[in-house]
Structure formats: structure tokens, C-alpha cells
Amino acid sequence: MKLYELTIQEAHRLLKQKEISSQELTRAVLDRIEAVDETIGAYITVAHETAMAQARRASEECIFMLMGKVVEHDDTGQMFVTPKHKETADYIEGRYG
């Protein structure tokens, strides 16, 4: 299956398991849009650079919110390895939700 054919649930699972990156998924979708849009004409504007910048940022940064308030904002890898706040650690370890 090609990345642009994934359901949102499949993409979420692969991203969570780090089998794909947000940049790979975004690039696959952008490439597919470019390949078929001339035929189907579904898009007025495709912001390639913005989409890729957001995908990079999504991979690099993470925010943990609880009850509408930011608890922690850090580098993704750092937050999941050594969270700075008890609430973040509790969530990562499955004590919330």
C-alpha cells in the first residue's frame, strides 16, 4: 500500500510506531496531488513548502495539554524520554485516559 492510500487510523499507527515520519507521509500526499490534480482539478492552491515545514515541526516538537492548558512543550524525543512534569509522565505511562 502506498502512503497516500493509508486511512487516518493506519497513518496514526505507523507514525506512532515510528515506521514512517510525518515528512514521508506529507511528501507522499503532496506527490500524489501533483500527479493527479491536473486531471481531477481538486485543488486551487497547494502550499508545498508550508506543508513540509509543518511536517518537520510536528516531528521535532510536542505539546502536552491537560484540561485545555499547556503542561509541557519540548522536543518530541526529549519529552517522551524524560518528561519535565509529573502530569506528562503520567500520560505517557498510561495513567490518564
PDB file of N, CA and C in Angstrom:
ATOM      1  N   MET A   1       0.844  -1.186   0.000  1.00  0.00           N
ATOM      2  CA  MET A   1       0.000   0.000   0.000  1.00  0.00           C
ATOM      3  C   MET A   1       0.883   1.242   0.000  1.00  0.00           C
ATOM      4  N   LYS A   2       0.518   2.204  -0.777  1.00  0.00           N
ATOM      5  CA  LYS A   2       1.252   3.463  -0.855  1.00  0.00           C
ATOM      6  C   LYS A   2       0.822   4.365   0.310  1.00  0.00           C
ATOM      7  N   LEU A   3       1.726   5.219   0.771  1.00  0.00           N
ATOM      8  CA  LEU A   3       1.433   6.061   1.933  1.00  0.00           C
ATOM      9  C   LEU A   3       0.198   6.926   1.727  1.00  0.00           C
ATOM     10  N   TYR A   4      -0.025   7.426   0.517  1.00  0.00           N
ATOM     11  CA  TYR A   4      -1.189   8.288   0.286  1.00  0.00           C
ATOM     12  C   TYR A   4      -2.506   7.504   0.310  1.00  0.00           C
ATOM     13  N   GLU A   5      -2.444   6.185   0.336  1.00  0.00           N
ATOM     14  CA  GLU A   5      -3.651   5.360   0.405  1.00  0.00           C
ATOM     15  C   GLU A   5      -4.043   4.993   1.837  1.00  0.00           C
ATOM     16  N   LEU A   6      -3.217   5.334   2.810  1.00  0.00           N
ATOM     17  CA  LEU A   6      -3.488   4.977   4.197  1.00  0.00           C
ATOM     18  C   LEU A   6      -4.736   5.670   4.729  1.00  0.00           C
ATOM     19  N   THR A   7      -5.471   4.972   5.578  1.00  0.00           N
ATOM     20  CA  THR A   7      -6.533   5.642   6.323  1.00  0.00           C
ATOM     21  C   THR A   7      -5.865   6.466   7.414  1.00  0.00           C
ATOM     22  N   ILE A   8      -6.607   7.359   8.022  1.00  0.00           N
ATOM     23  CA  ILE A   8      -6.030   8.175   9.095  1.00  0.00           C
ATOM     24  C   ILE A   8      -5.607   7.293  10.270  1.00  0.00           C
ATOM     25  N   GLN A   9      -6.368   6.232  10.539  1.00  0.00           N
ATOM     26  CA  GLN A   9      -6.013   5.313  11.623  1.00  0.00           C
ATOM     27  C   GLN A   9      -4.710   4.573  11.316  1.00  0.00           C
ATOM     28  N   GLU A  10      -4.552   4.134  10.065  1.00  0.00           N
ATOM     29  CA  GLU A  10      -3.323   3.438   9.676  1.00  0.00           C
ATOM     30  C   GLU A  10      -2.129   4.382   9.742  1.00  0.00           C
ATOM     31  N   ALA A  11      -2.301   5.593   9.243  1.00  0.00           N
ATOM     32  CA  ALA A  11      -1.215   6.581   9.287  1.00  0.00           C
ATOM     33  C   ALA A  11      -0.834   6.887  10.736  1.00  0.00           C
ATOM     34  N   HIS A  12      -1.823   7.056  11.590  1.00  0.00           N
ATOM     35  CA  HIS A  12      -1.557   7.329  13.015  1.00  0.00           C
ATOM     36  C   HIS A  12      -0.736   6.203  13.640  1.00  0.00           C
ATOM     37  N   ARG A  13      -1.122   4.963  13.377  1.00  0.00           N
ATOM     38  CA  ARG A  13      -0.412   3.815  13.953  1.00  0.00           C
ATOM     39  C   ARG A  13       1.040   3.790  13.468  1.00  0.00           C
ATOM     40  N   LEU A  14       1.249   3.976  12.166  1.00  0.00           N
ATOM     41  CA  LEU A  14       2.605   3.949  11.615  1.00  0.00           C
ATOM     42  C   LEU A  14       3.458   5.104  12.136  1.00  0.00           C
ATOM     43  N   LEU A  15       2.855   6.283  12.271  1.00  0.00           N
ATOM     44  CA  LEU A  15       3.580   7.420  12.836  1.00  0.00           C
ATOM     45  C   LEU A  15       3.938   7.160  14.294  1.00  0.00           C
ATOM     46  N   LYS A  16       2.995   6.652  15.044  1.00  0.00           N
ATOM     47  CA  LYS A  16       3.214   6.390  16.474  1.00  0.00           C
ATOM     48  C   LYS A  16       4.304   5.344  16.677  1.00  0.00           C
ATOM     49  N   GLN A  17       4.320   4.327  15.807  1.00  0.00           N
ATOM     50  CA  GLN A  17       5.329   3.267  15.917  1.00  0.00           C
ATOM     51  C   GLN A  17       6.646   3.658  15.240  1.00  0.00           C
ATOM     52  N   LYS A  18       6.697   4.885  14.708  1.00  0.00           N
ATOM     53  CA  LYS A  18       7.882   5.423  14.041  1.00  0.00           C
ATOM     54  C   LYS A  18       8.306   4.585  12.841  1.00  0.00           C
ATOM     55  N   GLU A  19       7.319   3.949  12.196  1.00  0.00           N
ATOM     56  CA  GLU A  19       7.597   3.209  10.965  1.00  0.00           C
ATOM     57  C   GLU A  19       7.659   4.155   9.774  1.00  0.00           C
ATOM     58  N   ILE A  20       7.019   5.309   9.899  1.00  0.00           N
ATOM     59  CA  ILE A  20       7.103   6.373   8.905  1.00  0.00           C
ATOM     60  C   ILE A  20       7.244   7.692   9.655  1.00  0.00           C
ATOM     61  N   SER A  21       7.716   8.712   8.949  1.00  0.00           N
ATOM     62  CA  SER A  21       7.811  10.039   9.563  1.00  0.00           C
ATOM     63  C   SER A  21       6.713  10.926   8.990  1.00  0.00           C
ATOM     64  N   SER A  22       6.427  12.010   9.681  1.00  0.00           N
ATOM     65  CA  SER A  22       5.431  12.947   9.173  1.00  0.00           C
ATOM     66  C   SER A  22       5.892  13.558   7.856  1.00  0.00           C
ATOM     67  N   GLN A  23       7.210  13.715   7.688  1.00  0.00           N
ATOM     68  CA  GLN A  23       7.724  14.247   6.426  1.00  0.00           C
ATOM     69  C   GLN A  23       7.482  13.266   5.283  1.00  0.00           C
ATOM     70  N   GLU A  24       7.698  11.971   5.511  1.00  0.00           N
ATOM     71  CA  GLU A  24       7.467  10.968   4.461  1.00  0.00           C
ATOM     72  C   GLU A  24       6.002  10.940   4.042  1.00  0.00           C
ATOM     73  N   LEU A  25       5.115  10.968   5.031  1.00  0.00           N
ATOM     74  CA  LEU A  25       3.684  10.936   4.744  1.00  0.00           C
ATOM     75  C   LEU A  25       3.256  12.187   3.983  1.00  0.00           C
ATOM     76  N   THR A  26       3.711  13.331   4.428  1.00  0.00           N
ATOM     77  CA  THR A  26       3.364  14.591   3.764  1.00  0.00           C
ATOM     78  C   THR A  26       3.900  14.615   2.341  1.00  0.00           C
ATOM     79  N   ARG A  27       5.134  14.204   2.147  1.00  0.00           N
ATOM     80  CA  ARG A  27       5.736  14.176   0.812  1.00  0.00           C
ATOM     81  C   ARG A  27       4.940  13.248  -0.102  1.00  0.00           C
ATOM     82  N   ALA A  28       4.518  12.079   0.380  1.00  0.00           N
ATOM     83  CA  ALA A  28       3.746  11.138  -0.432  1.00  0.00           C
ATOM     84  C   ALA A  28       2.419  11.746  -0.874  1.00  0.00           C
ATOM     85  N   VAL A  29       1.753  12.444   0.030  1.00  0.00           N
ATOM     86  CA  VAL A  29       0.468  13.067  -0.306  1.00  0.00           C
ATOM     87  C   VAL A  29       0.682  14.217  -1.293  1.00  0.00           C
ATOM     88  N   LEU A  30       1.697  15.034  -1.063  1.00  0.00           N
ATOM     89  CA  LEU A  30       1.977  16.137  -1.989  1.00  0.00           C
ATOM     90  C   LEU A  30       2.331  15.612  -3.383  1.00  0.00           C
ATOM     91  N   ASP A  31       3.127  14.554  -3.431  1.00  0.00           N
ATOM     92  CA  ASP A  31       3.486  13.966  -4.727  1.00  0.00           C
ATOM     93  C   ASP A  31       2.250  13.429  -5.440  1.00  0.00           C
ATOM     94  N   ARG A  32       1.342  12.818  -4.690  1.00  0.00           N
ATOM     95  CA  ARG A  32       0.115  12.289  -5.285  1.00  0.00           C
ATOM     96  C   ARG A  32      -0.760  13.417  -5.819  1.00  0.00           C
ATOM     97  N   ILE A  33      -0.871  14.488  -5.049  1.00  0.00           N
ATOM     98  CA  ILE A  33      -1.644  15.651  -5.509  1.00  0.00           C
ATOM     99  C   ILE A  33      -1.072  16.150  -6.829  1.00  0.00           C
ATOM    100  N   GLU A  34       0.250  16.282  -6.874  1.00  0.00           N
ATOM    101  CA  GLU A  34       0.904  16.767  -8.085  1.00  0.00           C
ATOM    102  C   GLU A  34       0.656  15.825  -9.271  1.00  0.00           C
ATOM    103  N   ALA A  35       0.639  14.531  -9.006  1.00  0.00           N
ATOM    104  CA  ALA A  35       0.464  13.556 -10.078  1.00  0.00           C
ATOM    105  C   ALA A  35      -0.948  13.545 -10.664  1.00  0.00           C
ATOM    106  N   VAL A  36      -1.961  13.821  -9.841  1.00  0.00           N
ATOM    107  CA  VAL A  36      -3.342  13.653 -10.326  1.00  0.00           C
ATOM    108  C   VAL A  36      -4.143  14.945 -10.441  1.00  0.00           C
ATOM    109  N   ASP A  37      -3.662  16.029  -9.895  1.00  0.00           N
ATOM    110  CA  ASP A  37      -4.502  17.229  -9.846  1.00  0.00           C
ATOM    111  C   ASP A  37      -4.787  17.834 -11.214  1.00  0.00           C
ATOM    112  N   GLU A  38      -3.878  17.711 -12.131  1.00  0.00           N
ATOM    113  CA  GLU A  38      -4.152  18.257 -13.463  1.00  0.00           C
ATOM    114  C   GLU A  38      -5.373  17.562 -14.078  1.00  0.00           C
ATOM    115  N   THR A  39      -5.545  16.293 -13.767  1.00  0.00           N
ATOM    116  CA  THR A  39      -6.678  15.527 -14.288  1.00  0.00           C
ATOM    117  C   THR A  39      -7.970  15.806 -13.519  1.00  0.00           C
ATOM    118  N   ILE A  40      -7.867  15.835 -12.189  1.00  0.00           N
ATOM    119  CA  ILE A  40      -9.096  15.969 -11.396  1.00  0.00           C
ATOM    120  C   ILE A  40      -9.421  17.399 -10.984  1.00  0.00           C
ATOM    121  N   GLY A  41      -8.435  18.279 -10.960  1.00  0.00           N
ATOM    122  CA  GLY A  41      -8.672  19.685 -10.653  1.00  0.00           C
ATOM    123  C   GLY A  41      -9.329  19.938  -9.303  1.00  0.00           C
ATOM    124  N   ALA A  42      -8.871  19.236  -8.273  1.00  0.00           N
ATOM    125  CA  ALA A  42      -9.490  19.351  -6.963  1.00  0.00           C
ATOM    126  C   ALA A  42      -8.902  20.459  -6.095  1.00  0.00           C
ATOM    127  N   TYR A  43      -7.748  20.973  -6.453  1.00  0.00           N
ATOM    128  CA  TYR A  43      -7.064  21.948  -5.605  1.00  0.00           C
ATOM    129  C   TYR A  43      -6.868  23.264  -6.337  1.00  0.00           C
ATOM    130  N   ILE A  44      -7.065  24.349  -5.622  1.00  0.00           N
ATOM    131  CA  ILE A  44      -6.778  25.678  -6.166  1.00  0.00           C
ATOM    132  C   ILE A  44      -5.319  26.011  -5.890  1.00  0.00           C
ATOM    133  N   THR A  45      -4.904  25.803  -4.643  1.00  0.00           N
ATOM    134  CA  THR A  45      -3.538  26.094  -4.228  1.00  0.00           C
ATOM    135  C   THR A  45      -3.031  24.964  -3.343  1.00  0.00           C
ATOM    136  N   VAL A  46      -1.806  24.548  -3.568  1.00  0.00           N
ATOM    137  CA  VAL A  46      -1.157  23.558  -2.706  1.00  0.00           C
ATOM    138  C   VAL A  46       0.108  24.221  -2.177  1.00  0.00           C
ATOM    139  N   ALA A  47       0.186  24.383  -0.874  1.00  0.00           N
ATOM    140  CA  ALA A  47       1.315  25.063  -0.237  1.00  0.00           C
ATOM    141  C   ALA A  47       2.363  24.026   0.172  1.00  0.00           C
ATOM    142  N   HIS A  48       3.175  23.600  -0.797  1.00  0.00           N
ATOM    143  CA  HIS A  48       4.171  22.555  -0.562  1.00  0.00           C
ATOM    144  C   HIS A  48       5.136  22.905   0.570  1.00  0.00           C
ATOM    145  N   GLU A  49       5.721  24.084   0.495  1.00  0.00           N
ATOM    146  CA  GLU A  49       6.737  24.461   1.487  1.00  0.00           C
ATOM    147  C   GLU A  49       6.145  24.550   2.889  1.00  0.00           C
ATOM    148  N   THR A  50       4.953  25.117   2.985  1.00  0.00           N
ATOM    149  CA  THR A  50       4.294  25.235   4.288  1.00  0.00           C
ATOM    150  C   THR A  50       3.966  23.860   4.846  1.00  0.00           C
ATOM    151  N   ALA A  51       3.445  22.976   4.006  1.00  0.00           N
ATOM    152  CA  ALA A  51       3.099  21.622   4.456  1.00  0.00           C
ATOM    153  C   ALA A  51       4.330  20.875   4.955  1.00  0.00           C
ATOM    154  N   MET A  52       5.431  20.977   4.228  1.00  0.00           N
ATOM    155  CA  MET A  52       6.650  20.280   4.648  1.00  0.00           C
ATOM    156  C   MET A  52       7.228  20.893   5.919  1.00  0.00           C
ATOM    157  N   ALA A  53       7.151  22.209   6.063  1.00  0.00           N
ATOM    158  CA  ALA A  53       7.639  22.858   7.284  1.00  0.00           C
ATOM    159  C   ALA A  53       6.819  22.406   8.487  1.00  0.00           C
ATOM    160  N   GLN A  54       5.517  22.301   8.322  1.00  0.00           N
ATOM    161  CA  GLN A  54       4.659  21.841   9.408  1.00  0.00           C
ATOM    162  C   GLN A  54       4.946  20.381   9.740  1.00  0.00           C
ATOM    163  N   ALA A  55       5.202  19.565   8.739  1.00  0.00           N
ATOM    164  CA  ALA A  55       5.529  18.155   8.981  1.00  0.00           C
ATOM    165  C   ALA A  55       6.838  18.036   9.759  1.00  0.00           C
ATOM    166  N   ARG A  56       7.834  18.840   9.393  1.00  0.00           N
ATOM    167  CA  ARG A  56       9.107  18.817  10.139  1.00  0.00           C
ATOM    168  C   ARG A  56       8.887  19.231  11.585  1.00  0.00           C
ATOM    169  N   ARG A  57       8.118  20.299  11.771  1.00  0.00           N
ATOM    170  CA  ARG A  57       7.862  20.793  13.123  1.00  0.00           C
ATOM    171  C   ARG A  57       7.105  19.762  13.945  1.00  0.00           C
ATOM    172  N   ALA A  58       6.165  19.066  13.326  1.00  0.00           N
ATOM    173  CA  ALA A  58       5.388  18.038  14.036  1.00  0.00           C
ATOM    174  C   ALA A  58       6.289  16.916  14.526  1.00  0.00           C
ATOM    175  N   SER A  59       7.324  16.619  13.775  1.00  0.00           N
ATOM    176  CA  SER A  59       8.245  15.562  14.172  1.00  0.00           C
ATOM    177  C   SER A  59       9.212  16.017  15.253  1.00  0.00           C
ATOM    178  N   GLU A  60       9.484  17.307  15.306  1.00  0.00           N
ATOM    179  CA  GLU A  60      10.510  17.824  16.196  1.00  0.00           C
ATOM    180  C   GLU A  60       9.985  18.319  17.532  1.00  0.00           C
ATOM    181  N   GLU A  61       8.747  18.793  17.573  1.00  0.00           N
ATOM    182  CA  GLU A  61       8.202  19.386  18.788  1.00  0.00           C
ATOM    183  C   GLU A  61       6.932  18.667  19.227  1.00  0.00           C
ATOM    184  N   CYS A  62       6.687  18.711  20.515  1.00  0.00           N
ATOM    185  CA  CYS A  62       5.491  18.085  21.066  1.00  0.00           C
ATOM    186  C   CYS A  62       4.938  18.974  22.186  1.00  0.00           C
ATOM    187  N   ILE A  63       3.635  19.046  22.248  1.00  0.00           N
ATOM    188  CA  ILE A  63       2.978  19.794  23.325  1.00  0.00           C
ATOM    189  C   ILE A  63       2.032  18.846  24.032  1.00  0.00           C
ATOM    190  N   PHE A  64       2.101  18.810  25.344  1.00  0.00           N
ATOM    191  CA  PHE A  64       1.146  18.038  26.128  1.00  0.00           C
ATOM    192  C   PHE A  64       0.223  19.031  26.826  1.00  0.00           C
ATOM    193  N   MET A  65      -1.074  18.853  26.591  1.00  0.00           N
ATOM    194  CA  MET A  65      -2.079  19.720  27.205  1.00  0.00           C
ATOM    195  C   MET A  65      -2.979  18.868  28.097  1.00  0.00           C
ATOM    196  N   LEU A  66      -3.439  19.467  29.175  1.00  0.00           N
ATOM    197  CA  LEU A  66      -4.353  18.806  30.087  1.00  0.00           C
ATOM    198  C   LEU A  66      -5.422  19.815  30.480  1.00  0.00           C
ATOM    199  N   MET A  67      -6.657  19.466  30.229  1.00  0.00           N
ATOM    200  CA  MET A  67      -7.802  20.320  30.538  1.00  0.00           C
ATOM    201  C   MET A  67      -7.650  21.710  29.913  1.00  0.00           C
ATOM    202  N   GLY A  68      -7.176  21.737  28.661  1.00  0.00           N
ATOM    203  CA  GLY A  68      -7.085  22.986  27.911  1.00  0.00           C
ATOM    204  C   GLY A  68      -5.875  23.849  28.214  1.00  0.00           C
ATOM    205  N   LYS A  69      -4.967  23.372  29.051  1.00  0.00           N
ATOM    206  CA  LYS A  69      -3.783  24.153  29.404  1.00  0.00           C
ATOM    207  C   LYS A  69      -2.520  23.407  29.003  1.00  0.00           C
ATOM    208  N   VAL A  70      -1.548  24.156  28.491  1.00  0.00           N
ATOM    209  CA  VAL A  70      -0.269  23.558  28.114  1.00  0.00           C
ATOM    210  C   VAL A  70       0.478  23.174  29.392  1.00  0.00           C
ATOM    211  N   VAL A  71       0.800  21.900  29.495  1.00  0.00           N
ATOM    212  CA  VAL A  71       1.576  21.403  30.634  1.00  0.00           C
ATOM    213  C   VAL A  71       3.050  21.399  30.282  1.00  0.00           C
ATOM    214  N   GLU A  72       3.345  20.984  29.050  1.00  0.00           N
ATOM    215  CA  GLU A  72       4.745  20.869  28.642  1.00  0.00           C
ATOM    216  C   GLU A  72       4.859  21.040  27.133  1.00  0.00           C
ATOM    217  N   HIS A  73       5.893  21.751  26.703  1.00  0.00           N
ATOM    218  CA  HIS A  73       6.210  21.940  25.290  1.00  0.00           C
ATOM    219  C   HIS A  73       7.706  21.731  25.161  1.00  0.00           C
ATOM    220  N   ASP A  74       8.090  20.699  24.388  1.00  0.00           N
ATOM    221  CA  ASP A  74       9.510  20.365  24.332  1.00  0.00           C
ATOM    222  C   ASP A  74       9.809  19.616  23.033  1.00  0.00           C
ATOM    223  N   ASP A  75      11.064  19.298  22.845  1.00  0.00           N
ATOM    224  CA  ASP A  75      11.495  18.416  21.772  1.00  0.00           C
ATOM    225  C   ASP A  75      10.788  17.071  21.960  1.00  0.00           C
ATOM    226  N   THR A  76      10.253  16.511  20.887  1.00  0.00           N
ATOM    227  CA  THR A  76       9.466  15.283  20.983  1.00  0.00           C
ATOM    228  C   THR A  76      10.244  14.168  21.670  1.00  0.00           C
ATOM    229  N   GLY A  77      11.445  13.906  21.200  1.00  0.00           N
ATOM    230  CA  GLY A  77      12.247  12.835  21.787  1.00  0.00           C
ATOM    231  C   GLY A  77      12.530  13.069  23.259  1.00  0.00           C
ATOM    232  N   GLN A  78      12.850  14.301  23.603  1.00  0.00           N
ATOM    233  CA  GLN A  78      13.146  14.651  24.998  1.00  0.00           C
ATOM    234  C   GLN A  78      11.924  14.436  25.889  1.00  0.00           C
ATOM    235  N   MET A  79      10.762  14.888  25.417  1.00  0.00           N
ATOM    236  CA  MET A  79       9.559  14.792  26.240  1.00  0.00           C
ATOM    237  C   MET A  79       9.190  13.341  26.537  1.00  0.00           C
ATOM    238  N   PHE A  80       9.336  12.464  25.555  1.00  0.00           N
ATOM    239  CA  PHE A  80       8.933  11.082  25.765  1.00  0.00           C
ATOM    240  C   PHE A  80       9.956  10.281  26.550  1.00  0.00           C
ATOM    241  N   VAL A  81      11.206  10.730  26.564  1.00  0.00           N
ATOM    242  CA  VAL A  81      12.240  10.030  27.317  1.00  0.00           C
ATOM    243  C   VAL A  81      12.329  10.560  28.745  1.00  0.00           C
ATOM    244  N   THR A  82      12.365  11.886  28.894  1.00  0.00           N
ATOM    245  CA  THR A  82      12.477  12.493  30.222  1.00  0.00           C
ATOM    246  C   THR A  82      11.512  13.662  30.348  1.00  0.00           C
ATOM    247  N   PRO A  83      10.226  13.381  30.536  1.00  0.00           N
ATOM    248  CA  PRO A  83       9.266  14.467  30.703  1.00  0.00           C
ATOM    249  C   PRO A  83       9.609  15.298  31.937  1.00  0.00           C
ATOM    250  N   LYS A  84       9.337  16.605  31.852  1.00  0.00           N
ATOM    251  CA  LYS A  84       9.669  17.518  32.943  1.00  0.00           C
ATOM    252  C   LYS A  84       8.573  17.615  33.997  1.00  0.00           C
ATOM    253  N   HIS A  85       7.364  17.203  33.634  1.00  0.00           N
ATOM    254  CA  HIS A  85       6.240  17.355  34.553  1.00  0.00           C
ATOM    255  C   HIS A  85       5.594  16.005  34.856  1.00  0.00           C
ATOM    256  N   LYS A  86       5.153  15.846  36.092  1.00  0.00           N
ATOM    257  CA  LYS A  86       4.517  14.601  36.523  1.00  0.00           C
ATOM    258  C   LYS A  86       3.296  14.272  35.662  1.00  0.00           C
ATOM    259  N   GLU A  87       2.509  15.285  35.310  1.00  0.00           N
ATOM    260  CA  GLU A  87       1.309  15.044  34.507  1.00  0.00           C
ATOM    261  C   GLU A  87       1.669  14.466  33.141  1.00  0.00           C
ATOM    262  N   THR A  88       2.741  14.967  32.542  1.00  0.00           N
ATOM    263  CA  THR A  88       3.189  14.459  31.249  1.00  0.00           C
ATOM    264  C   THR A  88       3.633  13.011  31.387  1.00  0.00           C
ATOM    265  N   ALA A  89       4.431  12.734  32.392  1.00  0.00           N
ATOM    266  CA  ALA A  89       4.902  11.365  32.621  1.00  0.00           C
ATOM    267  C   ALA A  89       3.727  10.427  32.869  1.00  0.00           C
ATOM    268  N   ASP A  90       2.764  10.873  33.653  1.00  0.00           N
ATOM    269  CA  ASP A  90       1.590  10.035  33.928  1.00  0.00           C
ATOM    270  C   ASP A  90       0.850   9.704  32.637  1.00  0.00           C
ATOM    271  N   TYR A  91       0.715  10.670  31.762  1.00  0.00           N
ATOM    272  CA  TYR A  91       0.006  10.443  30.497  1.00  0.00           C
ATOM    273  C   TYR A  91       0.802   9.467  29.616  1.00  0.00           C
ATOM    274  N   ILE A  92       2.096   9.718  29.477  1.00  0.00           N
ATOM    275  CA  ILE A  92       2.938   8.868  28.637  1.00  0.00           C
ATOM    276  C   ILE A  92       2.919   7.423  29.138  1.00  0.00           C
ATOM    277  N   GLU A  93       2.894   7.258  30.446  1.00  0.00           N
ATOM    278  CA  GLU A  93       2.907   5.925  31.038  1.00  0.00           C
ATOM    279  C   GLU A  93       1.510   5.307  31.154  1.00  0.00           C
ATOM    280  N   GLY A  94       0.508   5.992  30.625  1.00  0.00           N
ATOM    281  CA  GLY A  94      -0.837   5.426  30.566  1.00  0.00           C
ATOM    282  C   GLY A  94      -1.688   5.586  31.797  1.00  0.00           C
ATOM    283  N   ARG A  95      -1.349   6.529  32.676  1.00  0.00           N
ATOM    284  CA  ARG A  95      -2.137   6.726  33.877  1.00  0.00           C
ATOM    285  C   ARG A  95      -3.298   7.691  33.685  1.00  0.00           C
ATOM    286  N   TYR A  96      -3.350   8.346  32.501  1.00  0.00           N
ATOM    287  CA  TYR A  96      -4.506   9.186  32.136  1.00  0.00           C
ATOM    288  C   TYR A  96      -5.193   8.504  30.966  1.00  0.00           C
ATOM    289  N   GLY A  97      -6.513   8.746  30.852  1.00  0.00           N
ATOM    290  CA  GLY A  97      -7.249   8.279  29.669  1.00  0.00           C
ATOM    291  C   GLY A  97      -7.423   6.863  29.687  1.00  0.00           C
TER     292      GLY A  97
END
